[in-house]
Amino acid sequence: MSESPQQADDDQIEIPNKEGVLALSLIKGRLGLASFDPSTNEIGFAEVADCDVFALLAMFIQELQPTQIIIPQNASVELVEALSRDSSCIGYKTIRTPPHTFSEDVARRYISMIRAGNHPCTRADRIVGQAANLQLVFDFRKQQMSRAMGALMSYLHKFPSMGADMNISQGIINVDSFRSINLQNIVRMEGSAFKGLEIFEREKHPSMHGTGITKEGMSIFSLIGSASLHSSKGIRMMRQWFNRPLCDIHLIKNEEIQIRGSKKGGIIHSIQHSLGSVRPLESIFLVLQRGEGRRTTFESLVKV
């Protein structure tokens, strides 16, 4: 591909007319990418999270082969250091654009039409296209995507020859297609699910007696907590789990009988007193295995 350099008046950076541009933004481990290929008028969006974002970034750079890598001036130190030490970035120019606010209202003026096969744009704040094994999603409500897209648009405004065919002066960008990116051997999953697969980790398992002892494997309490606190999908699943209605009339009647029985005077106090005197089963079995059991040990076991 031939290069015809062009000088910019403000920072004297040589810009090829027909080379790809990749804009990046990293916020709290989530990477936002926006790419532009002026030879085909393709704009690509992608968001990367819950994985090794820098390994995936190297794959994006290898696939897109951009000449310019654009990052905002207020980019995180982590992203700047990653670009400086990544061997796949050697030979590319890294340009910092001024901070650029790219709100949903501004986006409506820029992106007027998406022609991506059978994946048309149905909502102005969410553009979805399917590319091989990756769903390309651009969500204007996410800060890392807004900053990446803002850096790209700021760059195209700065060097209008890059976007001469896109009617940027009129505030309209016609996107012919999404860049297809084939990501192999990459699986995305919820963080709580990944944590649950770490079977050799050790964690304290809480019980009614307190924080519990440290055992191999993850505690169901921590998995429920992480899924509920850090994932909207996990919250919905937990609500469905706990709110699942009973369909067996016999189970419902048995529960009513148990509830009425527990309301009788002295029952609750008696149950609490009995449970409070029961020692953890792990320590009871350990004492019995050592042959150190006493009468009180067997009494506690009988109460269970």
C-alpha atoms as a PDB file:
ATOM      1  CA  MET A   1       0.000   0.000   0.000  1.00  0.00           C
ATOM      2  CA  SER A   2       1.504   3.300  -1.079  1.00  0.00           C
ATOM      3  CA  GLU A   3       2.107   6.055   1.441  1.00  0.00           C
ATOM      4  CA  SER A   4       1.745   9.765   0.787  1.00  0.00           C
ATOM      5  CA  PRO A   5       2.857  11.596   3.931  1.00  0.00           C
ATOM      6  CA  GLN A   6       1.092  14.744   5.023  1.00  0.00           C
ATOM      7  CA  GLN A   7       2.372  17.294   7.511  1.00  0.00           C
ATOM      8  CA  ALA A   8       0.177  18.473  10.383  1.00  0.00           C
ATOM      9  CA  ASP A   9       0.629  22.139  11.286  1.00  0.00           C
ATOM     10  CA  ASP A  10       0.366  21.768  15.047  1.00  0.00           C
ATOM     11  CA  ASP A  11       2.601  18.788  15.867  1.00  0.00           C
ATOM     12  CA  GLN A  12       4.411  18.068  12.539  1.00  0.00           C
ATOM     13  CA  ILE A  13       3.484  14.367  12.478  1.00  0.00           C
ATOM     14  CA  GLU A  14       3.716  12.598   9.128  1.00  0.00           C
ATOM     15  CA  ILE A  15       0.433  10.825   8.448  1.00  0.00           C
ATOM     16  CA  PRO A  16      -0.021   8.304   5.597  1.00  0.00           C
ATOM     17  CA  ASN A  17      -3.214   8.918   3.647  1.00  0.00           C
ATOM     18  CA  LYS A  18      -4.451   5.350   3.359  1.00  0.00           C
ATOM     19  CA  GLU A  19      -3.358   3.419   6.427  1.00  0.00           C
ATOM     20  CA  GLY A  20      -5.378   1.988   9.275  1.00  0.00           C
ATOM     21  CA  VAL A  21      -5.852   3.684  12.642  1.00  0.00           C
ATOM     22  CA  LEU A  22      -6.464   1.983  16.002  1.00  0.00           C
ATOM     23  CA  ALA A  23      -7.697   3.992  19.011  1.00  0.00           C
ATOM     24  CA  LEU A  24      -7.413   2.520  22.516  1.00  0.00           C
ATOM     25  CA  SER A  25      -8.647   3.269  26.013  1.00  0.00           C
ATOM     26  CA  LEU A  26      -8.144   1.212  29.179  1.00  0.00           C
ATOM     27  CA  ILE A  27     -10.263   1.792  32.299  1.00  0.00           C
ATOM     28  CA  LYS A  28     -10.215  -0.590  35.287  1.00  0.00           C
ATOM     29  CA  GLY A  29      -9.038  -3.584  33.276  1.00  0.00           C
ATOM     30  CA  ARG A  30     -11.564  -3.060  30.469  1.00  0.00           C
ATOM     31  CA  LEU A  31     -10.132  -2.238  27.069  1.00  0.00           C
ATOM     32  CA  GLY A  32     -12.074  -0.250  24.484  1.00  0.00           C
ATOM     33  CA  LEU A  33     -10.970  -0.299  20.838  1.00  0.00           C
ATOM     34  CA  ALA A  34     -12.110   1.688  17.810  1.00  0.00           C
ATOM     35  CA  SER A  35     -10.470   1.117  14.408  1.00  0.00           C
ATOM     36  CA  PHE A  36     -10.779   2.868  11.039  1.00  0.00           C
ATOM     37  CA  ASP A  37      -9.660   1.588   7.632  1.00  0.00           C
ATOM     38  CA  PRO A  38      -9.881   4.490   5.128  1.00  0.00           C
ATOM     39  CA  SER A  39      -9.320   2.204   2.146  1.00  0.00           C
ATOM     40  CA  THR A  40     -12.601   0.374   2.799  1.00  0.00           C
ATOM     41  CA  ASN A  41     -14.398   2.898   5.041  1.00  0.00           C
ATOM     42  CA  GLU A  42     -14.620   0.282   7.776  1.00  0.00           C
ATOM     43  CA  ILE A  43     -15.050   1.202  11.424  1.00  0.00           C
ATOM     44  CA  GLY A  44     -14.632  -1.594  13.945  1.00  0.00           C
ATOM     45  CA  PHE A  45     -15.577  -1.619  17.622  1.00  0.00           C
ATOM     46  CA  ALA A  46     -14.586  -4.043  20.332  1.00  0.00           C
ATOM     47  CA  GLU A  47     -14.572  -4.251  24.114  1.00  0.00           C
ATOM     48  CA  VAL A  48     -12.284  -6.630  25.998  1.00  0.00           C
ATOM     49  CA  ALA A  49     -12.743  -7.578  29.649  1.00  0.00           C
ATOM     50  CA  ASP A  50     -12.204 -10.446  32.108  1.00  0.00           C
ATOM     51  CA  CYS A  51      -9.121 -11.772  30.309  1.00  0.00           C
ATOM     52  CA  ASP A  52      -5.529 -10.869  29.483  1.00  0.00           C
ATOM     53  CA  VAL A  53      -6.317  -7.614  27.688  1.00  0.00           C
ATOM     54  CA  PHE A  54      -2.713  -7.009  26.645  1.00  0.00           C
ATOM     55  CA  ALA A  55      -2.337 -10.424  25.014  1.00  0.00           C
ATOM     56  CA  LEU A  56      -5.586  -9.781  23.185  1.00  0.00           C
ATOM     57  CA  LEU A  57      -4.427  -6.283  22.255  1.00  0.00           C
ATOM     58  CA  ALA A  58      -1.355  -7.755  20.566  1.00  0.00           C
ATOM     59  CA  MET A  59      -3.674 -10.026  18.592  1.00  0.00           C
ATOM     60  CA  PHE A  60      -5.811  -7.056  17.513  1.00  0.00           C
ATOM     61  CA  ILE A  61      -2.714  -5.148  16.385  1.00  0.00           C
ATOM     62  CA  GLN A  62      -1.477  -8.142  14.425  1.00  0.00           C
ATOM     63  CA  GLU A  63      -4.876  -8.580  12.752  1.00  0.00           C
ATOM     64  CA  LEU A  64      -5.646  -4.921  12.018  1.00  0.00           C
ATOM     65  CA  GLN A  65      -2.073  -3.908  11.108  1.00  0.00           C
ATOM     66  CA  PRO A  66      -2.609  -0.212  11.932  1.00  0.00           C
ATOM     67  CA  THR A  67      -0.038   2.434  11.070  1.00  0.00           C
ATOM     68  CA  GLN A  68      -1.227   4.762  13.820  1.00  0.00           C
ATOM     69  CA  ILE A  69      -2.136   3.815  17.395  1.00  0.00           C
ATOM     70  CA  ILE A  70      -4.150   6.584  19.039  1.00  0.00           C
ATOM     71  CA  ILE A  71      -4.551   6.969  22.803  1.00  0.00           C
ATOM     72  CA  PRO A  72      -6.102   9.846  24.805  1.00  0.00           C
ATOM     73  CA  GLN A  73      -3.731  12.215  26.603  1.00  0.00           C
ATOM     74  CA  ASN A  74      -5.221  11.101  29.915  1.00  0.00           C
ATOM     75  CA  ALA A  75      -4.667   7.411  29.095  1.00  0.00           C
ATOM     76  CA  SER A  76      -3.768   5.150  31.990  1.00  0.00           C
ATOM     77  CA  VAL A  77      -0.099   4.545  32.775  1.00  0.00           C
ATOM     78  CA  GLU A  78      -0.766   0.805  32.472  1.00  0.00           C
ATOM     79  CA  LEU A  79      -1.801   1.171  28.826  1.00  0.00           C
ATOM     80  CA  VAL A  80       1.143   3.429  27.948  1.00  0.00           C
ATOM     81  CA  GLU A  81       3.633   0.999  29.512  1.00  0.00           C
ATOM     82  CA  ALA A  82       2.022  -1.962  27.742  1.00  0.00           C
ATOM     83  CA  LEU A  83       2.340  -0.271  24.356  1.00  0.00           C
ATOM     84  CA  SER A  84       5.952   0.682  25.019  1.00  0.00           C
ATOM     85  CA  ARG A  85       7.039  -2.875  25.916  1.00  0.00           C
ATOM     86  CA  ASP A  86       4.856  -4.789  23.428  1.00  0.00           C
ATOM     87  CA  SER A  87       7.019  -6.054  20.550  1.00  0.00           C
ATOM     88  CA  SER A  88       3.982  -6.087  18.238  1.00  0.00           C
ATOM     89  CA  CYS A  89       3.802  -2.280  18.525  1.00  0.00           C
ATOM     90  CA  ILE A  90       7.321  -1.753  17.156  1.00  0.00           C
ATOM     91  CA  GLY A  91       7.188   0.248  13.942  1.00  0.00           C
ATOM     92  CA  TYR A  92       3.875   1.942  14.722  1.00  0.00           C
ATOM     93  CA  LYS A  93       3.447   5.589  15.610  1.00  0.00           C
ATOM     94  CA  THR A  94       1.689   6.238  18.898  1.00  0.00           C
ATOM     95  CA  ILE A  95      -0.133   9.576  18.965  1.00  0.00           C
ATOM     96  CA  ARG A  96      -1.846  11.117  21.963  1.00  0.00           C
ATOM     97  CA  THR A  97      -4.962  13.112  21.228  1.00  0.00           C
ATOM     98  CA  PRO A  98      -6.405  15.699  23.628  1.00  0.00           C
ATOM     99  CA  PRO A  99      -9.199  14.487  25.930  1.00  0.00           C
ATOM    100  CA  HIS A 100     -12.335  14.266  23.832  1.00  0.00           C
ATOM    101  CA  THR A 101     -15.849  13.926  25.208  1.00  0.00           C
ATOM    102  CA  PHE A 102     -17.906  11.648  22.997  1.00  0.00           C
ATOM    103  CA  SER A 103     -21.452  11.521  24.308  1.00  0.00           C
ATOM    104  CA  GLU A 104     -24.400   9.634  22.875  1.00  0.00           C
ATOM    105  CA  ASP A 105     -25.793  12.821  21.306  1.00  0.00           C
ATOM    106  CA  VAL A 106     -22.534  13.429  19.450  1.00  0.00           C
ATOM    107  CA  ALA A 107     -22.474   9.795  18.371  1.00  0.00           C
ATOM    108  CA  ARG A 108     -25.896  10.122  16.769  1.00  0.00           C
ATOM    109  CA  ARG A 109     -24.475  12.773  14.448  1.00  0.00           C
ATOM    110  CA  TYR A 110     -21.426  10.727  13.541  1.00  0.00           C
ATOM    111  CA  ILE A 111     -22.866   7.286  12.913  1.00  0.00           C
ATOM    112  CA  SER A 112     -25.976   7.512  10.753  1.00  0.00           C
ATOM    113  CA  MET A 113     -26.020   4.169   9.025  1.00  0.00           C
ATOM    114  CA  ILE A 114     -24.536   0.729   9.622  1.00  0.00           C
ATOM    115  CA  ARG A 115     -24.495  -1.810   6.821  1.00  0.00           C
ATOM    116  CA  ALA A 116     -23.113  -5.004   8.337  1.00  0.00           C
ATOM    117  CA  GLY A 117     -24.729  -7.878   6.464  1.00  0.00           C
ATOM    118  CA  ASN A 118     -27.731  -9.093   8.431  1.00  0.00           C
ATOM    119  CA  HIS A 119     -26.837  -7.067  11.519  1.00  0.00           C
ATOM    120  CA  PRO A 120     -28.337  -3.583  11.060  1.00  0.00           C
ATOM    121  CA  CYS A 121     -28.145  -0.916  13.738  1.00  0.00           C
ATOM    122  CA  THR A 122     -31.327  -1.109  15.805  1.00  0.00           C
ATOM    123  CA  ARG A 123     -30.423   1.277  18.638  1.00  0.00           C
ATOM    124  CA  ALA A 124     -28.360   4.443  18.499  1.00  0.00           C
ATOM    125  CA  ASP A 125     -26.521   3.602  21.706  1.00  0.00           C
ATOM    126  CA  ARG A 126     -25.699  -0.018  20.874  1.00  0.00           C
ATOM    127  CA  ILE A 127     -24.259  -1.206  17.575  1.00  0.00           C
ATOM    128  CA  VAL A 128     -23.814  -4.946  17.283  1.00  0.00           C
ATOM    129  CA  GLY A 129     -22.157  -6.931  14.509  1.00  0.00           C
ATOM    130  CA  GLN A 130     -21.143 -10.571  14.466  1.00  0.00           C
ATOM    131  CA  ALA A 131     -17.581 -11.296  13.347  1.00  0.00           C
ATOM    132  CA  ALA A 132     -16.536 -14.955  13.399  1.00  0.00           C
ATOM    133  CA  ASN A 133     -15.972 -15.822  17.084  1.00  0.00           C
ATOM    134  CA  LEU A 134     -16.276 -12.296  18.465  1.00  0.00           C
ATOM    135  CA  GLN A 135     -19.340 -10.124  18.982  1.00  0.00           C
ATOM    136  CA  LEU A 136     -18.323  -6.581  18.200  1.00  0.00           C
ATOM    137  CA  VAL A 137     -20.259  -4.312  20.526  1.00  0.00           C
ATOM    138  CA  PHE A 138     -20.043  -0.566  20.869  1.00  0.00           C
ATOM    139  CA  ASP A 139     -21.893   0.879  23.831  1.00  0.00           C
ATOM    140  CA  PHE A 140     -21.753   4.663  24.186  1.00  0.00           C
ATOM    141  CA  ARG A 141     -22.675   4.383  27.860  1.00  0.00           C
ATOM    142  CA  LYS A 142     -19.340   2.705  28.653  1.00  0.00           C
ATOM    143  CA  GLN A 143     -16.544   5.138  29.359  1.00  0.00           C
ATOM    144  CA  GLN A 144     -13.700   3.116  27.840  1.00  0.00           C
ATOM    145  CA  MET A 145     -15.602   2.797  24.544  1.00  0.00           C
ATOM    146  CA  SER A 146     -16.504   6.495  24.500  1.00  0.00           C
ATOM    147  CA  ARG A 147     -12.895   7.504  25.095  1.00  0.00           C
ATOM    148  CA  ALA A 148     -11.588   5.177  22.388  1.00  0.00           C
ATOM    149  CA  MET A 149     -14.162   6.392  19.875  1.00  0.00           C
ATOM    150  CA  GLY A 150     -13.543   9.987  20.944  1.00  0.00           C
ATOM    151  CA  ALA A 151      -9.818   9.600  20.329  1.00  0.00           C
ATOM    152  CA  LEU A 152     -10.497   8.161  16.872  1.00  0.00           C
ATOM    153  CA  MET A 153     -12.916  10.947  15.910  1.00  0.00           C
ATOM    154  CA  SER A 154     -10.585  13.601  17.280  1.00  0.00           C
ATOM    155  CA  TYR A 155      -7.826  12.140  15.105  1.00  0.00           C
ATOM    156  CA  LEU A 156     -10.017  12.099  11.987  1.00  0.00           C
ATOM    157  CA  HIS A 157     -10.965  15.743  12.589  1.00  0.00           C
ATOM    158  CA  LYS A 158      -7.311  16.627  13.080  1.00  0.00           C
ATOM    159  CA  PHE A 159      -6.283  15.087   9.764  1.00  0.00           C
ATOM    160  CA  PRO A 160      -9.313  15.536   7.478  1.00  0.00           C
ATOM    161  CA  SER A 161      -7.642  13.814   4.520  1.00  0.00           C
ATOM    162  CA  MET A 162      -8.031  10.535   6.428  1.00  0.00           C
ATOM    163  CA  GLY A 163     -11.804  10.885   6.395  1.00  0.00           C
ATOM    164  CA  ALA A 164     -12.386  12.823   3.193  1.00  0.00           C
ATOM    165  CA  ASP A 165     -14.608  10.070   1.795  1.00  0.00           C
ATOM    166  CA  MET A 166     -16.771   9.922   4.928  1.00  0.00           C
ATOM    167  CA  ASN A 167     -18.429  13.372   4.914  1.00  0.00           C
ATOM    168  CA  ILE A 168     -17.065  14.195   8.360  1.00  0.00           C
ATOM    169  CA  SER A 169     -17.624  17.900   7.723  1.00  0.00           C
ATOM    170  CA  GLN A 170     -21.363  17.185   7.604  1.00  0.00           C
ATOM    171  CA  GLY A 171     -21.232  15.106  10.782  1.00  0.00           C
ATOM    172  CA  ILE A 172     -22.138  11.871   8.954  1.00  0.00           C
ATOM    173  CA  ILE A 173     -20.141   8.652   8.695  1.00  0.00           C
ATOM    174  CA  ASN A 174     -21.355   5.847   6.463  1.00  0.00           C
ATOM    175  CA  VAL A 175     -19.839   2.562   7.587  1.00  0.00           C
ATOM    176  CA  ASP A 176     -19.713  -0.074   4.880  1.00  0.00           C
ATOM    177  CA  SER A 177     -18.989  -3.041   7.115  1.00  0.00           C
ATOM    178  CA  PHE A 178     -17.485  -4.274  10.350  1.00  0.00           C
ATOM    179  CA  ARG A 179     -13.947  -5.520  10.387  1.00  0.00           C
ATOM    180  CA  SER A 180     -14.066  -9.300  10.820  1.00  0.00           C
ATOM    181  CA  ILE A 181     -11.708 -10.480  13.545  1.00  0.00           C
ATOM    182  CA  ASN A 182     -11.260 -14.191  14.154  1.00  0.00           C
ATOM    183  CA  LEU A 183     -10.180 -14.884  17.734  1.00  0.00           C
ATOM    184  CA  GLN A 184      -9.267 -18.519  18.258  1.00  0.00           C
ATOM    185  CA  ASN A 185      -8.760 -20.385  21.533  1.00  0.00           C
ATOM    186  CA  ILE A 186     -10.312 -17.574  23.578  1.00  0.00           C
ATOM    187  CA  VAL A 187     -13.197 -18.195  25.960  1.00  0.00           C
ATOM    188  CA  ARG A 188     -14.994 -15.433  27.838  1.00  0.00           C
ATOM    189  CA  MET A 189     -16.719 -16.304  31.102  1.00  0.00           C
ATOM    190  CA  GLU A 190     -17.965 -14.650  34.256  1.00  0.00           C
ATOM    191  CA  GLY A 191     -15.294 -13.971  36.867  1.00  0.00           C
ATOM    192  CA  SER A 192     -17.212 -15.960  39.497  1.00  0.00           C
ATOM    193  CA  ALA A 193     -17.392 -18.986  37.177  1.00  0.00           C
ATOM    194  CA  PHE A 194     -13.653 -18.782  36.535  1.00  0.00           C
ATOM    195  CA  LYS A 195     -13.047 -18.577  40.277  1.00  0.00           C
ATOM    196  CA  GLY A 196     -15.182 -21.658  40.846  1.00  0.00           C
ATOM    197  CA  LEU A 197     -13.004 -23.671  38.454  1.00  0.00           C
ATOM    198  CA  GLU A 198      -9.880 -22.998  40.524  1.00  0.00           C
ATOM    199  CA  ILE A 199     -10.314 -26.220  42.488  1.00  0.00           C
ATOM    200  CA  PHE A 200      -6.861 -26.145  44.057  1.00  0.00           C
ATOM    201  CA  GLU A 201      -7.377 -22.786  45.743  1.00  0.00           C
ATOM    202  CA  ARG A 202      -7.925 -22.784  49.504  1.00  0.00           C
ATOM    203  CA  GLU A 203     -10.495 -20.620  51.219  1.00  0.00           C
ATOM    204  CA  LYS A 204     -12.334 -20.392  54.517  1.00  0.00           C
ATOM    205  CA  HIS A 205     -15.780 -21.960  54.381  1.00  0.00           C
ATOM    206  CA  PRO A 206     -18.198 -20.084  56.657  1.00  0.00           C
ATOM    207  CA  SER A 207     -20.806 -21.967  58.632  1.00  0.00           C
ATOM    208  CA  MET A 208     -23.308 -21.297  61.394  1.00  0.00           C
ATOM    209  CA  HIS A 209     -20.422 -21.580  63.856  1.00  0.00           C
ATOM    210  CA  GLY A 210     -18.396 -18.711  62.393  1.00  0.00           C
ATOM    211  CA  THR A 211     -15.880 -18.137  59.644  1.00  0.00           C
ATOM    212  CA  GLY A 212     -15.072 -21.836  59.444  1.00  0.00           C
ATOM    213  CA  ILE A 213     -11.795 -23.554  58.673  1.00  0.00           C
ATOM    214  CA  THR A 214      -9.667 -23.238  55.537  1.00  0.00           C
ATOM    215  CA  LYS A 215     -10.346 -26.038  53.060  1.00  0.00           C
ATOM    216  CA  GLU A 216      -9.445 -26.810  49.475  1.00  0.00           C
ATOM    217  CA  GLY A 217     -11.969 -25.424  47.028  1.00  0.00           C
ATOM    218  CA  MET A 218     -14.020 -22.257  46.882  1.00  0.00           C
ATOM    219  CA  SER A 219     -16.739 -21.529  49.389  1.00  0.00           C
ATOM    220  CA  ILE A 220     -20.273 -21.453  47.988  1.00  0.00           C
ATOM    221  CA  PHE A 221     -20.834 -18.320  50.082  1.00  0.00           C
ATOM    222  CA  SER A 222     -18.013 -16.423  48.361  1.00  0.00           C
ATOM    223  CA  LEU A 223     -19.115 -17.600  44.907  1.00  0.00           C
ATOM    224  CA  ILE A 224     -22.659 -16.419  45.561  1.00  0.00           C
ATOM    225  CA  GLY A 225     -21.336 -13.131  46.915  1.00  0.00           C
ATOM    226  CA  SER A 226     -19.048 -12.476  43.966  1.00  0.00           C
ATOM    227  CA  ALA A 227     -21.715 -13.420  41.436  1.00  0.00           C
ATOM    228  CA  SER A 228     -24.275 -11.198  43.143  1.00  0.00           C
ATOM    229  CA  LEU A 229     -22.059  -8.168  43.729  1.00  0.00           C
ATOM    230  CA  HIS A 230     -20.044  -7.978  40.499  1.00  0.00           C
ATOM    231  CA  SER A 231     -22.340  -9.353  37.803  1.00  0.00           C
ATOM    232  CA  SER A 232     -25.835  -8.297  36.800  1.00  0.00           C
ATOM    233  CA  LYS A 233     -26.270 -11.720  35.210  1.00  0.00           C
ATOM    234  CA  GLY A 234     -25.319 -13.342  38.506  1.00  0.00           C
ATOM    235  CA  ILE A 235     -27.870 -11.232  40.373  1.00  0.00           C
ATOM    236  CA  ARG A 236     -30.625 -12.294  37.971  1.00  0.00           C
ATOM    237  CA  MET A 237     -29.655 -15.950  38.295  1.00  0.00           C
ATOM    238  CA  MET A 238     -29.630 -15.762  42.086  1.00  0.00           C
ATOM    239  CA  ARG A 239     -33.066 -14.132  42.130  1.00  0.00           C
ATOM    240  CA  GLN A 240     -34.442 -16.842  39.858  1.00  0.00           C
ATOM    241  CA  TRP A 241     -32.884 -19.459  42.095  1.00  0.00           C
ATOM    242  CA  PHE A 242     -34.270 -18.136  45.375  1.00  0.00           C
ATOM    243  CA  ASN A 243     -37.639 -17.041  43.974  1.00  0.00           C
ATOM    244  CA  ARG A 244     -38.415 -20.313  42.229  1.00  0.00           C
ATOM    245  CA  PRO A 245     -41.986 -21.182  43.313  1.00  0.00           C
ATOM    246  CA  LEU A 246     -42.952 -24.544  44.811  1.00  0.00           C
ATOM    247  CA  CYS A 247     -45.371 -26.602  42.726  1.00  0.00           C
ATOM    248  CA  ASP A 248     -45.751 -29.572  45.094  1.00  0.00           C
ATOM    249  CA  ILE A 249     -48.750 -28.990  47.381  1.00  0.00           C
ATOM    250  CA  HIS A 250     -47.420 -31.538  49.908  1.00  0.00           C
ATOM    251  CA  LEU A 251     -44.141 -29.624  50.314  1.00  0.00           C
ATOM    252  CA  ILE A 252     -46.066 -26.395  50.801  1.00  0.00           C
ATOM    253  CA  LYS A 253     -48.241 -27.950  53.529  1.00  0.00           C
ATOM    254  CA  ASN A 254     -45.195 -29.430  55.273  1.00  0.00           C
ATOM    255  CA  GLU A 255     -43.521 -26.012  55.299  1.00  0.00           C
ATOM    256  CA  GLU A 256     -46.649 -24.428  56.797  1.00  0.00           C
ATOM    257  CA  ILE A 257     -46.723 -27.074  59.548  1.00  0.00           C
ATOM    258  CA  GLN A 258     -43.041 -26.477  60.330  1.00  0.00           C
ATOM    259  CA  ILE A 259     -43.527 -22.706  60.463  1.00  0.00           C
ATOM    260  CA  ARG A 260     -46.537 -22.992  62.771  1.00  0.00           C
ATOM    261  CA  GLY A 261     -44.620 -25.410  65.005  1.00  0.00           C
ATOM    262  CA  SER A 262     -41.626 -23.101  65.292  1.00  0.00           C
ATOM    263  CA  LYS A 263     -43.874 -20.283  66.533  1.00  0.00           C
ATOM    264  CA  LYS A 264     -44.907 -22.199  69.643  1.00  0.00           C
ATOM    265  CA  GLY A 265     -43.532 -20.927  72.924  1.00  0.00           C
ATOM    266  CA  GLY A 266     -40.126 -22.260  73.933  1.00  0.00           C
ATOM    267  CA  ILE A 267     -39.480 -24.095  70.639  1.00  0.00           C
ATOM    268  CA  ILE A 268     -37.144 -21.477  69.169  1.00  0.00           C
ATOM    269  CA  HIS A 269     -35.204 -21.095  72.431  1.00  0.00           C
ATOM    270  CA  SER A 270     -34.838 -24.869  72.733  1.00  0.00           C
ATOM    271  CA  ILE A 271     -33.558 -25.198  69.146  1.00  0.00           C
ATOM    272  CA  GLN A 272     -31.080 -22.354  69.585  1.00  0.00           C
ATOM    273  CA  HIS A 273     -29.811 -23.832  72.861  1.00  0.00           C
ATOM    274  CA  SER A 274     -29.345 -27.278  71.290  1.00  0.00           C
ATOM    275  CA  LEU A 275     -27.573 -25.965  68.200  1.00  0.00           C
ATOM    276  CA  GLY A 276     -25.367 -23.713  70.289  1.00  0.00           C
ATOM    277  CA  SER A 277     -24.046 -26.692  72.247  1.00  0.00           C
ATOM    278  CA  VAL A 278     -23.183 -28.695  69.112  1.00  0.00           C
ATOM    279  CA  ARG A 279     -19.536 -28.524  68.152  1.00  0.00           C
ATOM    280  CA  PRO A 280     -18.390 -28.449  64.511  1.00  0.00           C
ATOM    281  CA  LEU A 281     -18.520 -31.942  63.008  1.00  0.00           C
ATOM    282  CA  GLU A 282     -15.014 -31.650  61.549  1.00  0.00           C
ATOM    283  CA  SER A 283     -13.419 -31.346  64.979  1.00  0.00           C
ATOM    284  CA  ILE A 284     -15.612 -34.151  66.401  1.00  0.00           C
ATOM    285  CA  PHE A 285     -14.590 -36.589  63.662  1.00  0.00           C
ATOM    286  CA  LEU A 286     -10.946 -35.582  64.043  1.00  0.00           C
ATOM    287  CA  VAL A 287     -11.052 -36.353  67.780  1.00  0.00           C
ATOM    288  CA  LEU A 288     -12.694 -39.738  67.110  1.00  0.00           C
ATOM    289  CA  GLN A 289     -10.102 -40.626  64.450  1.00  0.00           C
ATOM    290  CA  ARG A 290      -7.314 -39.932  66.942  1.00  0.00           C
ATOM    291  CA  GLY A 291      -8.971 -42.156  69.539  1.00  0.00           C
ATOM    292  CA  GLU A 292      -9.299 -39.232  71.948  1.00  0.00           C
ATOM    293  CA  GLY A 293     -13.099 -39.225  72.187  1.00  0.00           C
ATOM    294  CA  ARG A 294     -14.804 -38.641  75.527  1.00  0.00           C
ATOM    295  CA  ARG A 295     -18.364 -38.953  76.739  1.00  0.00           C
ATOM    296  CA  THR A 296     -19.103 -35.322  75.865  1.00  0.00           C
ATOM    297  CA  THR A 297     -17.805 -35.942  72.336  1.00  0.00           C
ATOM    298  CA  PHE A 298     -20.330 -38.711  71.742  1.00  0.00           C
ATOM    299  CA  GLU A 299     -23.103 -36.642  73.360  1.00  0.00           C
ATOM    300  CA  SER A 300     -22.417 -33.811  70.938  1.00  0.00           C
ATOM    301  CA  LEU A 301     -22.517 -36.260  68.041  1.00  0.00           C
ATOM    302  CA  VAL A 302     -25.862 -37.665  69.223  1.00  0.00           C
ATOM    303  CA  LYS A 303     -27.350 -34.145  69.365  1.00  0.00           C
ATOM    304  CA  VAL A 304     -26.615 -33.708  65.665  1.00  0.00           C
END
